[in-house]
Amino acid sequence: MDMKFIRFKEAEDDCTEALNLDDRYIKAYSRRITSRKELGKFKEAMDGIHTLTLLSFFLNFFVVCIYEH
C-alpha cells in the first residue's frame, strides 16, 4: 500500500476522532477535507466543505452578536 495513502488515511481517522470529541474543531474539518480529497473521497470532502462553511458562518454570526450586545 502506498505510504502517502496510509498517511492521509491516518490523518482522516485522527480528524474524525478529534471531531467526535469536539464537533466545532475547525482545523480538524479542514484537515479531514484535505485528506479525503487526496484519498479520492470527493463526495465526502464536499460534504465536509458544506459542514465547515455552515459552522464557520454560525460561529462568526455568534461572535458578532456577542460583541454587538
Protein backbone atom coordinates (compact mmCIF):
# COMPACT_ATOMS: atom_id res chain seq x y z
CA MET A 1 0.00 0.00 0.00
CA ASP A 2 1.26 3.48 -0.87
CA MET A 3 2.79 5.33 2.10
CA LYS A 4 1.11 8.58 1.05
CA PHE A 5 -2.28 6.83 1.09
CA ILE A 6 -1.61 5.42 4.56
CA ARG A 7 -0.68 8.85 5.94
CA PHE A 8 -3.80 10.52 4.51
CA LYS A 9 -5.96 7.68 5.84
CA GLU A 10 -4.40 8.07 9.30
CA ALA A 11 -4.97 11.83 9.14
CA GLU A 12 -8.60 11.30 8.15
CA ASP A 13 -9.10 8.88 11.06
CA ASP A 14 -7.37 11.23 13.53
CA CYS A 15 -9.52 14.16 12.43
CA THR A 16 -12.70 12.10 12.71
CA GLU A 17 -11.71 11.11 16.24
CA ALA A 18 -11.00 14.75 17.13
CA LEU A 19 -14.38 15.79 15.75
CA ASN A 20 -16.10 13.12 17.82
CA LEU A 21 -14.64 14.88 20.86
CA ASP A 22 -15.34 18.44 19.66
CA ASP A 23 -17.57 18.92 16.62
CA ARG A 24 -16.64 22.63 16.42
CA TYR A 25 -12.92 21.96 15.82
CA ILE A 26 -12.50 23.83 12.53
CA LYS A 27 -8.90 22.78 11.88
CA ALA A 28 -9.93 19.10 12.10
CA TYR A 29 -12.64 19.66 9.48
CA SER A 30 -10.15 21.40 7.21
CA ARG A 31 -7.52 18.68 7.51
CA ARG A 32 -10.09 15.91 7.07
CA ILE A 33 -11.36 17.61 3.90
CA THR A 34 -7.81 17.73 2.52
CA SER A 35 -7.20 14.09 3.45
CA ARG A 36 -10.43 12.93 1.86
CA LYS A 37 -9.68 14.87 -1.32
CA GLU A 38 -6.24 13.25 -1.54
CA LEU A 39 -7.81 9.82 -0.94
CA GLY A 40 -10.23 10.40 -3.82
CA LYS A 41 -13.25 10.65 -1.49
CA PHE A 42 -14.63 13.68 -3.30
CA LYS A 43 -18.26 13.43 -2.13
CA GLU A 44 -17.16 13.13 1.50
CA ALA A 45 -14.76 16.07 1.01
CA MET A 46 -17.58 18.19 -0.44
CA ASP A 47 -19.86 17.22 2.46
CA GLY A 48 -17.11 18.38 4.80
CA ILE A 49 -16.79 21.69 2.94
CA HIS A 50 -20.54 22.20 3.32
CA THR A 51 -20.40 21.46 7.06
CA LEU A 52 -17.34 23.67 7.57
CA THR A 53 -18.96 26.55 5.69
CA LEU A 54 -22.11 26.39 7.82
CA LEU A 55 -20.16 26.03 11.04
CA SER A 56 -17.91 28.98 10.20
CA PHE A 57 -20.91 31.13 9.32
CA PHE A 58 -22.74 30.38 12.56
CA LEU A 59 -19.64 30.78 14.74
CA ASN A 60 -18.87 34.14 13.13
CA PHE A 61 -22.51 35.22 13.47
CA PHE A 62 -22.47 34.24 17.15
CA VAL A 63 -19.28 36.25 17.78
CA VAL A 64 -20.72 39.32 16.07
CA CYS A 65 -23.91 39.07 18.13
CA ILE A 66 -21.91 38.87 21.36
CA TYR A 67 -19.83 41.94 20.52
CA GLU A 68 -22.84 43.98 19.43
CA HIS A 69 -24.66 43.46 22.74
